[in-house]
Protein backbone atom coordinates (compact mmCIF):
# COMPACT_ATOMS: atom_id res chain seq x y z
CA ALA A 1 2.72 -12.10 -5.82
CA CYS A 2 1.77 -13.95 -2.44
CA LEU A 3 -1.66 -15.27 -1.58
CA ALA A 4 -2.80 -17.18 1.61
CA ASP A 5 -2.31 -20.39 -0.07
CA SER A 6 0.19 -19.89 -2.89
CA PHE A 7 2.73 -17.43 -4.27
CA SER A 8 3.43 -17.00 -7.80
CA CYS A 9 6.57 -15.71 -9.78
CA ARG A 10 8.51 -15.74 -13.09
CA VAL A 11 11.68 -17.81 -13.46
CA ARG A 12 13.93 -18.86 -16.16
CA LEU A 13 14.93 -22.69 -16.04
CA LEU A 14 16.81 -25.11 -18.09
CA GLY A 15 15.02 -27.91 -19.68
CA GLN A 16 16.16 -30.40 -17.28
CA GLY A 17 14.93 -28.18 -14.25
CA LEU A 18 11.60 -27.69 -16.02
CA ARG A 19 11.17 -31.44 -16.76
CA ASP A 20 11.86 -32.11 -13.12
CA LEU A 21 9.19 -29.86 -11.86
CA VAL A 22 6.50 -30.96 -14.42
CA PHE A 23 6.77 -34.66 -13.88
CA ASN A 24 7.84 -34.81 -10.31
CA PHE A 25 6.24 -32.15 -8.42
CA PRO A 26 2.87 -31.44 -10.59
CA TYR A 27 1.01 -31.39 -7.08
CA LEU A 28 3.02 -28.31 -5.87
CA PHE A 29 3.95 -26.21 -9.09
CA GLU A 30 1.54 -24.92 -11.54
CA MET A 31 3.52 -24.20 -14.82
CA ARG A 32 2.63 -21.63 -17.43
CA ALA A 33 4.60 -20.68 -20.54
CA VAL A 34 5.71 -16.98 -20.90
CA GLY A 35 3.17 -15.51 -23.22
CA THR A 36 0.07 -16.28 -21.40
CA GLU A 37 0.31 -13.60 -18.66
CA GLY A 38 2.63 -10.85 -19.68
CA ASP A 39 3.89 -11.01 -23.12
CA ARG A 40 0.59 -11.17 -25.07
CA VAL A 41 -1.20 -8.31 -23.36
CA THR A 42 -3.37 -5.82 -25.33
CA GLN A 43 -5.12 -2.36 -25.23
CA GLY A 44 -3.02 -0.86 -22.69
CA ARG A 45 -1.14 2.44 -22.26
CA SER A 46 2.41 2.44 -21.45
CA HIS A 47 2.65 4.78 -18.61
CA LEU A 48 0.79 5.27 -15.47
CA SER A 49 -1.61 8.10 -15.39
CA VAL A 50 -4.11 9.73 -12.86
CA ALA A 51 -6.92 11.66 -14.26
CA PRO A 52 -8.49 14.73 -12.61
CA ASN A 53 -11.49 12.72 -11.32
CA GLY A 54 -9.15 10.26 -9.39
CA VAL A 55 -9.03 7.41 -11.69
CA CYS A 56 -5.59 5.68 -11.93
CA THR A 57 -5.05 3.97 -15.20
CA ILE A 58 -2.59 1.11 -14.80
CA PRO A 59 -0.25 0.67 -17.63
CA CYS A 60 0.25 -2.05 -20.13
CA PHE A 61 3.02 -4.66 -18.84
CA GLY A 62 5.94 -5.49 -20.94
CA SER A 63 7.34 -8.87 -21.72
CA ASP A 64 9.82 -8.62 -18.80
CA VAL A 65 7.11 -7.96 -16.29
CA PHE A 66 5.09 -10.68 -14.56
CA PRO A 67 1.76 -9.09 -14.23
CA PRO A 68 0.98 -9.74 -10.69
CA THR A 69 4.21 -8.47 -9.35
CA GLY A 70 4.01 -5.40 -11.94
CA LEU A 71 0.45 -4.87 -10.35
CA ASP A 72 1.80 -4.65 -6.88
CA THR A 73 4.56 -2.27 -7.86
CA VAL A 74 2.32 0.05 -9.85
CA ILE A 75 -0.32 0.28 -7.12
CA GLU A 76 2.26 0.77 -4.15
CA GLY A 77 3.94 3.45 -6.26
CA CYS A 78 0.49 5.21 -6.97
CA HIS A 79 -0.45 5.13 -3.36
CA ALA A 80 2.93 6.51 -2.20
CA LEU A 81 2.37 9.61 -4.23
CA ASN A 82 -1.45 9.94 -3.66
CA PRO A 83 -2.85 7.70 -0.84
CA GLY A 84 -6.42 8.77 -1.93
CA ILE A 85 -6.61 7.08 -5.16
CA ARG A 86 -9.04 4.09 -4.81
CA VAL A 87 -10.60 3.59 -8.45
CA PHE A 88 -7.93 1.66 -10.91
CA HIS A 89 -8.63 1.25 -14.57
CA HIS A 90 -6.67 -1.71 -15.65
CA GLN A 91 -6.73 -1.56 -19.60
CA ALA A 92 -4.31 -4.32 -20.32
CA THR A 93 -5.56 -7.85 -20.92
CA CYS A 94 -3.98 -11.11 -21.99
CA THR A 95 -5.05 -12.75 -25.23
CA ARG A 96 -5.12 -16.29 -23.81
CA SER A 97 -6.62 -18.04 -20.64
CA GLU A 98 -4.89 -21.23 -19.98
CA SER A 99 -7.04 -22.73 -17.17
CA ARG A 100 -10.52 -23.40 -17.24
CA THR A 101 -11.00 -24.54 -13.47
CA GLN A 102 -8.57 -22.08 -11.61
CA MET A 103 -8.32 -18.42 -11.17
CA SER A 104 -5.11 -17.21 -12.86
CA ALA A 105 -2.27 -15.29 -10.73
CA TRP A 106 -2.97 -12.02 -12.36
CA ALA A 107 -6.80 -12.18 -11.60
CA ALA A 108 -6.04 -13.34 -8.07
CA ALA A 109 -4.04 -10.45 -7.34
CA ILE A 110 -6.61 -8.37 -8.13
CA ASP A 111 -9.09 -10.05 -6.09
CA GLN A 112 -6.44 -10.03 -3.04
CA TRP A 113 -5.96 -6.11 -3.42
CA MET A 114 -9.67 -5.53 -3.27
CA ALA A 115 -10.11 -8.12 -0.22
CA GLU A 116 -7.43 -6.16 1.84
CA GLN A 117 -7.92 -2.53 0.52
CA ASP A 118 -10.73 -0.27 -0.10
CA VAL A 119 -10.08 0.21 -3.89
CA LEU A 120 -12.07 -0.97 -6.89
CA PHE A 121 -10.67 -2.42 -10.20
CA VAL A 122 -12.49 -1.71 -13.44
CA LEU A 123 -11.49 -4.33 -16.17
CA PRO A 124 -12.15 -4.58 -19.78
CA ALA A 125 -13.97 -7.69 -20.93
CA ASN A 126 -11.79 -9.07 -23.92
CA HIS A 127 -12.43 -12.47 -25.21
CA SER A 128 -9.93 -15.02 -24.70
CA GLU A 129 -8.61 -17.02 -27.78
CA ASP A 130 -8.30 -20.78 -27.36
CA THR A 131 -6.52 -22.49 -30.52
CA GLY A 132 -6.56 -19.20 -32.43
CA GLU A 133 -10.28 -18.65 -32.07
CA LYS A 134 -12.45 -16.56 -29.85
CA SER A 135 -13.80 -18.30 -26.51
CA ALA A 136 -16.78 -17.76 -24.49
CA ARG A 137 -14.51 -16.80 -21.66
CA VAL A 138 -13.51 -13.43 -20.67
CA ALA A 139 -9.77 -12.99 -20.93
CA GLU A 140 -7.43 -12.50 -17.94
CA PRO A 141 -7.38 -10.63 -15.81
CA GLY A 142 -11.24 -9.96 -16.40
CA GLN A 143 -12.27 -13.08 -14.82
CA SER A 144 -11.34 -11.42 -11.25
CA LEU A 145 -14.35 -12.56 -9.00
CA ASN A 146 -14.06 -9.10 -7.06
CA GLY A 147 -13.29 -6.81 -9.94
CA LEU A 148 -15.83 -4.92 -12.09
CA THR A 149 -15.74 -6.36 -15.63
CA VAL A 150 -16.89 -4.29 -18.45
CA GLY A 151 -17.91 -5.41 -22.04
CA CYS A 152 -18.66 -3.17 -25.08
CA TRP A 153 -21.85 -3.41 -27.12
CA HIS A 154 -22.24 -2.23 -30.82
CA SER A 155 -25.65 -0.78 -32.10
CA GLY A 156 -26.01 -3.24 -34.69
CA GLN A 157 -25.37 -6.40 -32.42
CA GLU A 158 -28.71 -7.49 -32.02
CA GLU A 159 -28.46 -11.13 -31.73
CA GLY A 160 -26.04 -11.41 -29.23
CA ASN A 161 -23.85 -14.45 -28.43
CA SER A 162 -26.31 -17.26 -28.29
CA ASP A 163 -23.77 -19.65 -29.16
CA TRP A 164 -21.77 -19.36 -25.89
CA GLU A 165 -21.76 -22.52 -23.88
CA GLY A 166 -21.28 -20.88 -20.38
CA MET A 167 -20.85 -17.63 -18.61
CA GLY A 168 -18.06 -15.64 -19.35
CA GLY A 169 -16.33 -15.90 -15.86
CA LEU A 170 -15.01 -18.99 -14.22
CA TRP A 171 -17.35 -21.33 -12.34
CA HIS A 172 -20.44 -19.91 -14.19
CA SER A 173 -19.85 -16.39 -12.68
CA VAL A 174 -21.55 -13.40 -14.42
CA LYS A 175 -18.84 -11.78 -16.51
CA PRO A 176 -18.84 -9.00 -17.83
CA GLU A 177 -21.25 -7.44 -15.19
CA VAL A 178 -22.15 -4.48 -17.45
CA VAL A 179 -21.71 -3.23 -20.99
CA ILE A 180 -21.59 0.22 -22.67
CA PRO A 181 -21.81 1.01 -26.24
CA ALA A 182 -18.26 1.67 -27.34
CA ALA A 183 -15.60 0.82 -30.17
CA SER A 184 -13.63 -1.39 -27.80
CA ALA A 185 -13.67 -3.05 -24.22
CA ALA A 186 -10.96 -0.83 -23.11
CA ALA A 187 -12.94 2.16 -24.24
CA ALA A 188 -16.16 0.70 -22.69
CA SER A 189 -14.30 0.18 -19.31
CA ALA A 190 -12.86 3.75 -19.44
CA ILE A 191 -16.22 5.03 -19.40
CA VAL A 192 -17.47 2.86 -16.60
CA ALA A 193 -14.59 3.95 -14.64
CA ASP A 194 -15.38 7.61 -14.99
CA MET A 195 -18.90 6.85 -13.76
CA VAL A 196 -17.36 5.03 -10.80
CA ALA A 197 -15.30 7.99 -10.23
CA ALA A 198 -18.66 10.28 -10.12
CA ILE A 199 -20.35 7.93 -7.59
CA ALA A 200 -17.27 8.16 -5.55
CA GLN A 201 -17.44 12.09 -5.73
CA ALA A 202 -21.04 11.94 -4.72
CA PHE A 203 -20.43 9.40 -1.72
CA ARG A 204 -17.03 10.25 -0.72
CA ALA A 205 -17.45 8.72 2.77
CA GLU A 206 -18.65 5.24 1.64
CA ARG A 207 -16.78 2.23 0.78
CA CYS A 208 -15.77 0.99 -2.85
CA GLY A 209 -18.03 -2.05 -2.41
CA LEU A 210 -21.00 0.25 -2.31
CA TYR A 211 -19.62 2.11 -5.48
CA ARG A 212 -19.52 -1.15 -7.14
CA ALA A 213 -23.15 -2.06 -6.20
CA LEU A 214 -24.73 1.13 -7.36
CA LEU A 215 -23.04 1.10 -10.41
CA VAL A 216 -24.50 -2.51 -11.48
CA HIS A 217 -27.74 -1.76 -9.59
CA SER A 218 -28.38 0.98 -12.15
CA ALA A 219 -27.81 -1.33 -15.15
CA ARG A 220 -30.85 -2.55 -17.27
CA TRP A 221 -30.82 -4.91 -20.06
CA LEU A 222 -30.96 -3.02 -23.50
CA GLU A 223 -34.38 -2.73 -25.03
CA THR A 224 -34.02 -4.62 -28.39
CA GLU A 225 -36.00 -7.46 -29.87
CA ALA A 226 -33.38 -10.06 -29.08
CA VAL A 227 -33.31 -9.08 -25.50
CA SER A 228 -37.39 -9.06 -25.29
CA ALA A 229 -37.43 -12.55 -27.04
CA GLY A 230 -34.48 -13.97 -25.20
CA SER A 231 -34.14 -15.94 -21.90
CA SER A 232 -32.37 -14.64 -18.78
CA ILE A 233 -29.41 -16.91 -19.62
CA HIS A 234 -29.09 -15.54 -23.08
CA ASN A 235 -29.18 -11.98 -21.83
CA LEU A 236 -26.58 -12.61 -19.16
CA ARG A 237 -24.35 -14.25 -21.45
CA TRP A 238 -24.66 -11.34 -24.16
CA MET A 239 -24.79 -8.30 -21.75
CA GLY A 240 -24.51 -9.22 -18.01
CA TYR A 241 -26.79 -6.96 -16.12
CA GLY A 242 -26.95 -4.73 -18.93
CA GLN A 243 -26.00 -0.90 -19.57
CA PRO A 244 -25.52 1.16 -16.32
CA ASP A 245 -27.15 4.59 -15.86
CA LEU A 246 -25.12 7.30 -13.92
CA ASP A 247 -28.59 9.44 -13.05
CA ARG A 248 -30.04 6.19 -11.87
CA ALA A 249 -26.90 5.50 -9.82
CA LEU A 250 -26.82 8.80 -8.01
CA GLY A 251 -30.54 9.65 -7.56
CA ASN A 252 -34.02 8.75 -7.28
CA THR A 253 -37.39 9.81 -8.99
CA PRO A 254 -40.76 10.50 -7.67
CA SER A 255 -41.78 6.87 -8.65
CA ARG A 256 -38.61 5.13 -7.62
CA VAL A 257 -36.74 5.06 -4.15
CA THR A 258 -33.45 3.53 -3.39
CA PHE A 259 -31.85 2.17 -0.09
CA PHE A 260 -28.30 1.26 0.49
CA THR A 261 -26.12 0.24 3.42
CA SER A 262 -23.58 2.82 4.65
CA GLY A 263 -20.29 2.64 6.27
CA GLU A 264 -18.24 -0.65 6.44
CA GLN A 265 -20.25 -3.62 6.65
CA ARG A 266 -18.68 -6.90 7.44
CA ILE A 267 -20.12 -10.46 8.26
CA LYS A 268 -18.77 -13.91 9.11
CA ALA A 269 -19.57 -17.33 8.06
CA ARG A 270 -22.85 -18.77 9.76
CA GLN A 271 -24.05 -15.04 10.34
CA VAL A 272 -27.11 -13.15 9.04
CA HIS A 273 -27.77 -9.59 8.70
CA ILE A 274 -31.42 -8.90 8.12
CA TYR A 275 -32.78 -5.46 6.55
CA GLN A 276 -36.41 -4.45 6.62
CA ILE A 277 -37.89 -1.77 4.59
CA ASP A 278 -41.73 -0.91 5.63
CA PHE A 279 -44.69 -0.03 3.57
CA PRO A 280 -47.38 2.26 4.88
CA GLN A 281 -50.65 0.38 5.33
CA SER A 282 -52.41 3.24 3.63
CA LEU A 283 -50.11 2.86 0.70
CA VAL A 284 -50.78 -0.69 0.24
CA THR A 285 -54.68 -0.24 0.79
CA THR A 286 -54.97 2.82 -1.71
CA HIS A 287 -52.82 1.14 -4.57
CA PRO A 288 -53.22 -2.59 -4.21
CA ASP A 289 -52.72 -3.45 -7.75
CA CYS A 290 -49.74 -1.14 -8.51
CA VAL A 291 -46.85 -2.88 -10.12
CA VAL A 292 -43.68 -2.21 -8.45
CA LEU A 293 -40.01 -3.34 -9.80
CA ILE A 294 -37.91 -4.72 -6.85
CA GLU A 295 -34.21 -4.90 -7.40
CA VAL A 296 -31.83 -6.17 -5.16
CA THR A 297 -27.93 -5.99 -5.50
CA LEU A 298 -25.30 -7.26 -3.26
CA ALA A 299 -21.73 -6.68 -3.98
CA TYR A 300 -18.92 -8.22 -1.48
CA THR A 301 -15.24 -9.07 -1.47
CA ALA A 302 -13.37 -11.97 0.22
CA ARG A 303 -9.58 -13.28 0.17
CA PRO A 304 -8.86 -15.69 -2.62
CA ALA A 305 -6.94 -18.95 -2.52
CA ARG A 306 -5.99 -20.13 -5.92
CA THR A 307 -5.42 -23.61 -5.19
CA TYR A 308 -9.42 -24.22 -4.70
CA GLN A 309 -12.02 -24.39 -7.32
CA GLY A 310 -15.31 -22.97 -7.44
CA HIS A 311 -16.51 -19.61 -5.93
CA ASN A 312 -17.23 -21.06 -2.50
CA GLY A 313 -13.94 -22.68 -2.39
CA TYR A 314 -11.69 -19.86 -3.92
CA LEU A 315 -13.11 -17.12 -1.34
CA SER A 316 -12.33 -17.24 2.13
CA THR A 317 -16.04 -16.47 2.99
CA TRP A 318 -18.85 -16.18 0.41
CA LEU A 319 -22.06 -14.58 0.81
CA SER A 320 -25.69 -15.07 -0.47
CA TRP A 321 -28.97 -13.10 -0.04
CA GLN A 322 -32.56 -14.10 0.49
CA SER A 323 -35.78 -11.88 0.69
CA ASN A 324 -38.93 -12.80 2.51
CA ARG A 325 -41.78 -14.26 0.85
CA ARG A 326 -44.97 -12.47 -0.57
CA ARG A 327 -47.04 -11.51 2.42
CA GLU A 328 -44.37 -12.90 4.91
CA SER A 329 -44.13 -10.77 8.05
CA ALA A 330 -40.59 -9.51 9.33
CA ALA A 331 -40.97 -11.67 12.42
CA ASP A 332 -41.67 -14.69 10.34
CA PHE A 333 -38.87 -13.98 8.04
CA VAL A 334 -36.36 -13.42 10.98
CA ALA A 335 -37.63 -16.67 12.63
CA ARG A 336 -36.89 -18.48 9.44
CA MET A 337 -33.66 -16.86 8.66
CA VAL A 338 -32.06 -16.89 12.25
CA GLY A 339 -34.24 -19.01 14.69
CA GLU A 340 -35.09 -22.07 12.71
CA GLY A 341 -32.19 -21.77 9.83
CA GLU A 342 -32.76 -20.91 6.11
CA GLU A 343 -33.83 -24.46 5.25
CA LEU A 344 -37.11 -24.07 7.24
CA GLU A 345 -40.36 -25.06 5.28
CA GLY A 346 -43.72 -24.49 6.43
CA ILE A 347 -45.09 -21.81 4.19
CA GLN A 348 -48.34 -19.94 5.56
CA GLN A 349 -51.21 -18.96 3.50
CA GLY A 350 -50.49 -16.54 0.85
CA GLN A 351 -46.58 -16.68 1.60
CA VAL A 352 -45.21 -17.63 -2.07
CA ALA A 353 -41.60 -16.83 -2.87
CA TYR A 354 -41.11 -14.19 -5.39
CA LYS A 355 -40.10 -15.08 -8.97
CA TRP A 356 -36.90 -13.57 -9.24
CA ALA A 357 -35.59 -13.07 -12.94
CA ILE A 358 -32.19 -15.16 -12.02
CA GLY A 359 -32.73 -16.77 -8.94
CA THR A 360 -30.17 -19.13 -7.06
CA GLN A 361 -30.63 -22.61 -8.83
CA LYS A 362 -28.22 -23.48 -11.57
CA ARG A 363 -29.88 -25.79 -14.30
CA PHE A 364 -27.91 -27.63 -16.88
CA ASP A 365 -29.07 -29.32 -20.12
CA PRO A 366 -29.08 -33.25 -19.37
CA GLN A 367 -28.10 -34.06 -23.07
CA THR A 368 -25.37 -31.47 -23.57
CA GLY A 369 -24.48 -30.31 -20.07
CA VAL A 370 -24.91 -26.66 -21.49
CA LEU A 371 -25.81 -24.09 -18.71
CA ARG A 372 -29.47 -23.24 -19.06
CA ARG A 373 -30.22 -21.38 -16.12
CA ALA A 374 -27.59 -19.18 -14.10
CA SER A 375 -27.46 -18.64 -10.19
CA ARG A 376 -26.78 -15.16 -8.79
CA ASN A 377 -24.68 -17.00 -6.04
CA ALA A 378 -21.86 -17.82 -8.33
CA SER A 379 -20.72 -14.22 -8.24
CA THR A 380 -19.27 -11.61 -5.70
CA LEU A 381 -21.83 -9.06 -7.58
CA GLN A 382 -25.30 -10.54 -7.21
CA LYS A 383 -28.40 -8.43 -8.89
CA ASP A 384 -31.75 -9.78 -9.30
CA TRP A 385 -35.18 -8.35 -9.91
CA THR A 386 -38.86 -8.97 -9.91
CA GLN A 387 -42.15 -7.17 -10.55
CA VAL A 388 -44.90 -7.70 -8.15
CA LYS A 389 -48.31 -5.79 -6.95
CA LEU A 390 -48.05 -3.70 -3.81
CA SER A 391 -50.61 -5.97 -2.05
CA GLU A 392 -48.50 -8.92 -2.59
CA ILE A 393 -45.45 -7.26 -0.84
CA GLY A 394 -47.68 -6.55 2.21
CA VAL A 395 -46.12 -3.91 4.81
CA ALA A 396 -42.59 -4.88 4.80
CA PHE A 397 -39.92 -6.06 2.45
CA CYS A 398 -36.97 -7.94 4.17
CA VAL A 399 -33.52 -8.95 2.62
CA ALA A 400 -31.16 -11.32 4.59
CA VAL A 401 -27.48 -11.09 3.73
CA ILE A 402 -26.04 -14.53 4.66
CA GLY A 403 -22.51 -15.56 5.35
CA HIS A 404 -21.00 -19.16 4.42
CA GLU A 405 -17.72 -20.71 5.15
CA GLY A 406 -15.36 -20.87 2.34
CA TRP A 407 -11.68 -22.12 2.36
CA GLU A 408 -10.60 -20.19 5.44
CA ARG A 409 -11.79 -22.09 8.89
CA SER A 410 -11.00 -19.25 11.30
CA PRO A 411 -14.06 -17.95 13.01
CA ASP A 412 -12.83 -14.62 12.84
CA THR A 413 -12.76 -14.66 8.90
CA ASP A 414 -15.35 -12.18 7.32
CA ALA A 415 -16.36 -10.61 4.00
CA GLU A 416 -17.13 -6.86 3.45
CA TYR A 417 -20.12 -6.12 1.47
CA GLY A 418 -22.77 -3.32 0.15
CA LEU A 419 -26.24 -3.70 -0.40
CA VAL A 420 -28.85 -1.85 -2.67
CA VAL A 421 -32.58 -2.21 -2.71
CA SER A 422 -34.82 -0.18 -4.81
CA PHE A 423 -38.57 -0.03 -5.48
CA GLU A 424 -40.17 1.66 -8.52
CA ALA A 425 -43.60 2.00 -9.45
CA ILE A 426 -43.87 1.04 -13.20
CA GLY A 427 -46.80 0.80 -15.72
CA GLU A 428 -49.81 3.16 -16.03
CA THR A 429 -50.08 3.45 -12.24
CA LYS A 430 -46.90 5.31 -11.48
CA PHE A 431 -47.37 7.49 -8.41
CA THR A 432 -45.18 9.39 -5.89
CA LEU A 433 -43.50 6.12 -4.30
CA TYR A 434 -40.57 8.19 -3.10
CA GLU A 435 -42.26 10.35 -0.68
CA LEU A 436 -44.90 7.73 0.40
CA ILE A 437 -42.11 5.34 1.60
CA VAL A 438 -39.19 7.65 2.72
CA GLU A 439 -42.15 9.38 4.91
CA ARG A 440 -42.50 6.06 6.92
CA THR A 441 -38.94 5.14 7.04
CA LEU A 442 -37.35 8.17 8.17
């Protein structure tokens, strides 16, 4: 399996040759013993299958197959028979994760496929095992940044996993992104794969990145006592962004309206794409105290490089998003994002930043080093939400998608993304928000 900065393969060496590589060329070769990426894979079928809804289930790899190479063979063979297949359910996982700092070759191969082709991988979020015990980290290849990783949730699981010391993914990325009530992670990921297929059926002309964004955008944290009492970092560790809802992913309600980008959207480093959604002045005047739930989800893919660490080094281009402040006009927001740069201060009266549930700043415990607050920027799937009164939004809500330089220095390097924004009237003052906003924007 070849990436931009490296290649991976499985070889058989004599002891003397292995010793030479380990001691004399540690800066060139990363050595992993057989059994960490191939022999010890679990919960996978032994044959390739394509369901009537177009989901291709990738088989479990045997001990004689190197997973990144096997993945290439399976996908190329599937596309040779049916070029229209875009959703892949990869059931197999590894029981161990050797590296805490670098992406595995298996997960990187998935990231590469999603960056170069319009495909989506749905992966189960099994726990990795360190020294025979379950770890807080998701097993390979579920750590793939571009893939959609799914965990299972049991009805009696009220307390969650509050003893975890970090997010399930590498570099504090949110993994799994969603959870489903099921007997196992493989069963849960199969359900989500079918949900993605339903979204693809409804939006045939759209890109897989939008399917991924819509699926996660529909997710909500489960309504349990543990969730209500828990902090955002606790809930993210336990269930990612929550349980997805297909009806919410596919449609609106009288009190909820959803906007999303259509077609192939690409952005380069040091570029900014700004989206504006107008609110009728009459709506703000008539319902100033109505509480609105604002949800924003950005999903993007970029090419990986395994020799780098951190999401901003591993990806060729990485993205983030920002919104305008409360009562900040679209013109002021554009000037701040484009004209003067995103670091410009000088907040005018009433222009206070929204209080997002997750935010962009990581915080660690100064005593233990444990992550206490996550950053949505650490993932390629960035969802956040807030509740605010209509009078505080003003007459426009704006979102800026911002491109940042990763490992690739070429000015032509870009990343593909899909953006979803929704507004929902909540509480006792629900009203037909959909009609009032759509009439103004059409």
